[in-house]
N, C-alpha and C. Protein backbone atom coordinates (compact mmCIF):
# COMPACT_ATOMS: atom_id res chain seq x y z
N MET A 1 64.76 154.46 101.05
CA MET A 1 66.08 153.89 101.14
C MET A 1 66.05 152.50 100.52
N ILE A 2 67.06 152.17 99.77
CA ILE A 2 67.22 150.84 99.18
C ILE A 2 68.52 150.25 99.73
N PHE A 3 68.44 148.99 100.16
CA PHE A 3 69.67 148.31 100.56
C PHE A 3 69.65 146.89 100.06
N SER A 4 70.83 146.33 99.91
CA SER A 4 70.99 144.97 99.43
C SER A 4 71.54 144.10 100.55
N SER A 5 71.03 142.88 100.65
CA SER A 5 71.48 141.99 101.71
C SER A 5 71.38 140.54 101.24
N HIS A 6 72.32 139.73 101.71
CA HIS A 6 72.23 138.29 101.50
C HIS A 6 71.73 137.62 102.77
N TYR A 7 71.22 138.41 103.72
CA TYR A 7 70.70 137.91 104.98
C TYR A 7 69.21 138.24 105.07
N PRO A 8 68.35 137.32 104.64
CA PRO A 8 66.91 137.60 104.62
C PRO A 8 66.36 138.01 105.99
N ASP A 9 66.94 137.49 107.06
CA ASP A 9 66.46 137.83 108.40
C ASP A 9 66.65 139.32 108.68
N HIS A 10 67.79 139.89 108.26
CA HIS A 10 68.01 141.33 108.44
C HIS A 10 66.96 142.11 107.66
N SER A 11 66.71 141.70 106.44
CA SER A 11 65.71 142.38 105.61
C SER A 11 64.33 142.30 106.23
N LEU A 12 63.97 141.15 106.74
CA LEU A 12 62.66 140.98 107.36
C LEU A 12 62.51 141.90 108.58
N MET A 13 63.61 142.10 109.31
CA MET A 13 63.55 142.94 110.52
C MET A 13 63.38 144.43 110.21
N VAL A 14 63.94 144.90 109.09
CA VAL A 14 63.95 146.35 108.86
C VAL A 14 63.19 146.82 107.63
N ALA A 15 62.93 145.94 106.68
CA ALA A 15 62.34 146.38 105.41
C ALA A 15 60.83 146.26 105.41
N HIS A 16 60.19 147.20 104.76
CA HIS A 16 58.75 147.15 104.55
C HIS A 16 58.43 146.34 103.29
N LYS A 17 59.24 146.51 102.25
CA LYS A 17 59.06 145.77 101.00
C LYS A 17 60.35 145.05 100.66
N ALA A 18 60.22 143.99 99.83
CA ALA A 18 61.39 143.20 99.45
C ALA A 18 61.31 142.84 97.97
N LEU A 19 62.47 142.71 97.37
CA LEU A 19 62.61 142.26 96.00
C LEU A 19 63.57 141.08 95.99
N LEU A 20 63.10 139.91 95.55
CA LEU A 20 63.97 138.73 95.41
C LEU A 20 64.26 138.54 93.93
N LEU A 21 65.53 138.48 93.59
CA LEU A 21 65.93 138.25 92.20
C LEU A 21 66.26 136.77 92.04
N LEU A 22 65.34 136.05 91.43
CA LEU A 22 65.50 134.62 91.20
C LEU A 22 66.17 134.39 89.85
N LYS A 23 66.47 133.14 89.54
CA LYS A 23 67.18 132.83 88.30
C LYS A 23 66.46 133.35 87.05
N ASP A 24 65.17 133.05 86.92
CA ASP A 24 64.43 133.43 85.72
C ASP A 24 63.27 134.38 85.99
N SER A 25 63.18 134.90 87.21
CA SER A 25 62.06 135.78 87.54
C SER A 25 62.42 136.62 88.76
N HIS A 26 61.46 137.35 89.25
CA HIS A 26 61.65 138.12 90.47
C HIS A 26 60.34 138.16 91.25
N LEU A 27 60.44 138.44 92.54
CA LEU A 27 59.28 138.59 93.40
C LEU A 27 59.40 139.93 94.12
N PHE A 28 58.32 140.70 94.16
CA PHE A 28 58.33 141.99 94.83
C PHE A 28 57.04 142.16 95.62
N GLY A 29 57.14 142.68 96.82
CA GLY A 29 55.95 142.93 97.63
C GLY A 29 56.35 143.19 99.07
N LEU A 30 55.38 143.04 99.96
CA LEU A 30 55.64 143.24 101.37
C LEU A 30 56.66 142.21 101.85
N ALA A 31 57.64 142.68 102.62
CA ALA A 31 58.71 141.79 103.09
C ALA A 31 58.14 140.58 103.81
N GLN A 32 57.13 140.78 104.64
CA GLN A 32 56.56 139.66 105.41
C GLN A 32 55.91 138.62 104.51
N ASP A 33 55.51 139.00 103.30
CA ASP A 33 54.91 138.06 102.35
C ASP A 33 55.96 137.40 101.44
N ILE A 34 56.94 138.17 101.03
CA ILE A 34 57.94 137.70 100.07
C ILE A 34 59.02 136.85 100.74
N LEU A 35 59.43 137.25 101.94
CA LEU A 35 60.52 136.54 102.63
C LEU A 35 59.95 135.39 103.45
N ASN A 36 59.57 134.34 102.74
CA ASN A 36 59.03 133.15 103.40
C ASN A 36 59.90 131.93 103.06
N SER A 37 59.67 130.86 103.77
CA SER A 37 60.51 129.66 103.62
C SER A 37 60.54 129.13 102.19
N GLU A 38 59.40 129.11 101.55
CA GLU A 38 59.31 128.57 100.19
C GLU A 38 60.13 129.40 99.20
N ASN A 39 59.95 130.72 99.22
CA ASN A 39 60.67 131.58 98.29
C ASN A 39 62.18 131.56 98.55
N LEU A 40 62.56 131.56 99.81
CA LEU A 40 63.98 131.57 100.14
C LEU A 40 64.66 130.24 99.82
N LYS A 41 63.92 129.14 99.95
CA LYS A 41 64.48 127.84 99.56
C LYS A 41 64.76 127.81 98.06
N GLU A 42 63.83 128.39 97.28
CA GLU A 42 64.05 128.45 95.83
C GLU A 42 65.30 129.27 95.50
N LEU A 43 65.52 130.35 96.23
CA LEU A 43 66.66 131.22 95.96
C LEU A 43 67.98 130.65 96.45
N PHE A 44 68.02 130.19 97.71
CA PHE A 44 69.28 129.76 98.33
C PHE A 44 69.52 128.25 98.29
N LYS A 45 68.49 127.47 97.92
CA LYS A 45 68.60 126.00 97.84
C LYS A 45 68.86 125.34 99.20
N ILE A 46 68.41 125.97 100.28
CA ILE A 46 68.44 125.37 101.62
C ILE A 46 67.11 125.68 102.30
N ASP A 47 66.79 124.93 103.34
CA ASP A 47 65.55 125.14 104.08
C ASP A 47 65.68 126.29 105.06
N PHE A 48 64.57 126.96 105.30
CA PHE A 48 64.48 128.06 106.27
C PHE A 48 63.33 127.78 107.22
N ILE A 49 63.41 128.36 108.41
CA ILE A 49 62.30 128.32 109.36
C ILE A 49 61.91 129.75 109.69
N LYS A 50 60.61 129.99 109.87
CA LYS A 50 60.11 131.30 110.26
C LYS A 50 59.52 131.16 111.66
N LYS A 51 60.02 131.96 112.59
CA LYS A 51 59.61 131.89 114.00
C LYS A 51 59.38 133.28 114.56
N GLU A 52 58.52 133.36 115.58
CA GLU A 52 58.38 134.56 116.38
C GLU A 52 59.40 134.47 117.50
N ILE A 53 60.27 135.45 117.61
CA ILE A 53 61.25 135.50 118.69
C ILE A 53 61.14 136.88 119.33
N LEU A 54 60.81 136.88 120.61
CA LEU A 54 60.63 138.13 121.36
C LEU A 54 59.67 139.08 120.65
N GLY A 55 58.59 138.51 120.12
CA GLY A 55 57.55 139.31 119.47
C GLY A 55 57.87 139.79 118.08
N GLN A 56 58.97 139.32 117.50
CA GLN A 56 59.35 139.75 116.16
C GLN A 56 59.51 138.53 115.25
N SER A 57 58.99 138.64 114.03
CA SER A 57 59.13 137.57 113.04
C SER A 57 60.58 137.46 112.62
N ARG A 58 61.10 136.23 112.60
CA ARG A 58 62.47 135.98 112.16
C ARG A 58 62.44 134.86 111.14
N ILE A 59 63.34 134.90 110.18
CA ILE A 59 63.47 133.81 109.20
C ILE A 59 64.94 133.39 109.18
N LEU A 60 65.16 132.12 109.52
CA LEU A 60 66.53 131.65 109.74
C LEU A 60 66.79 130.37 108.96
N PRO A 61 68.00 130.21 108.46
CA PRO A 61 68.33 128.97 107.74
C PRO A 61 68.40 127.79 108.70
N LYS A 62 68.05 126.62 108.18
CA LYS A 62 68.22 125.38 108.94
C LYS A 62 69.62 124.88 108.65
N TRP A 63 70.60 125.41 109.37
CA TRP A 63 72.00 125.13 109.07
C TRP A 63 72.33 123.65 109.17
N ASP A 64 71.73 122.94 110.10
CA ASP A 64 72.06 121.53 110.22
C ASP A 64 71.66 120.76 108.96
N TYR A 65 70.54 121.14 108.32
CA TYR A 65 70.17 120.51 107.05
C TYR A 65 71.17 120.88 105.96
N ALA A 66 71.58 122.14 105.95
CA ALA A 66 72.53 122.58 104.93
C ALA A 66 73.86 121.87 105.08
N LEU A 67 74.22 121.49 106.31
CA LEU A 67 75.49 120.82 106.56
C LEU A 67 75.37 119.29 106.51
N GLY A 68 74.17 118.79 106.19
CA GLY A 68 74.00 117.36 106.02
C GLY A 68 73.54 116.61 107.24
N GLU A 69 73.34 117.29 108.37
CA GLU A 69 72.84 116.61 109.57
C GLU A 69 71.32 116.58 109.49
N ASN A 70 70.71 115.65 110.17
CA ASN A 70 69.26 115.47 110.05
C ASN A 70 68.60 115.73 111.41
N LYS A 71 68.43 117.00 111.77
CA LYS A 71 67.77 117.39 113.01
C LYS A 71 66.46 118.05 112.67
N LYS A 72 65.53 118.07 113.62
CA LYS A 72 64.23 118.71 113.42
C LYS A 72 64.10 119.96 114.26
N TYR A 73 63.44 120.96 113.70
CA TYR A 73 63.09 122.18 114.44
C TYR A 73 61.58 122.17 114.68
N ASP A 74 61.17 122.42 115.90
CA ASP A 74 59.74 122.54 116.21
C ASP A 74 59.47 123.81 116.96
């Protein structure tokens, strides 16, 4: 099955492999390897955090940074 999403967290939860289409290149491989903070920042131009939540890996945008506020996530 192939599906398209603009929500990397959804992809990380259900996909085994991922393809990121960047401006001048692409990345393909295991979702857990491809969907990381560095790659997603290059694609979306905002910061992401990767956390374990209830035993599952999640990757979420740092919305406060995207909105111009300066908060820290730990």
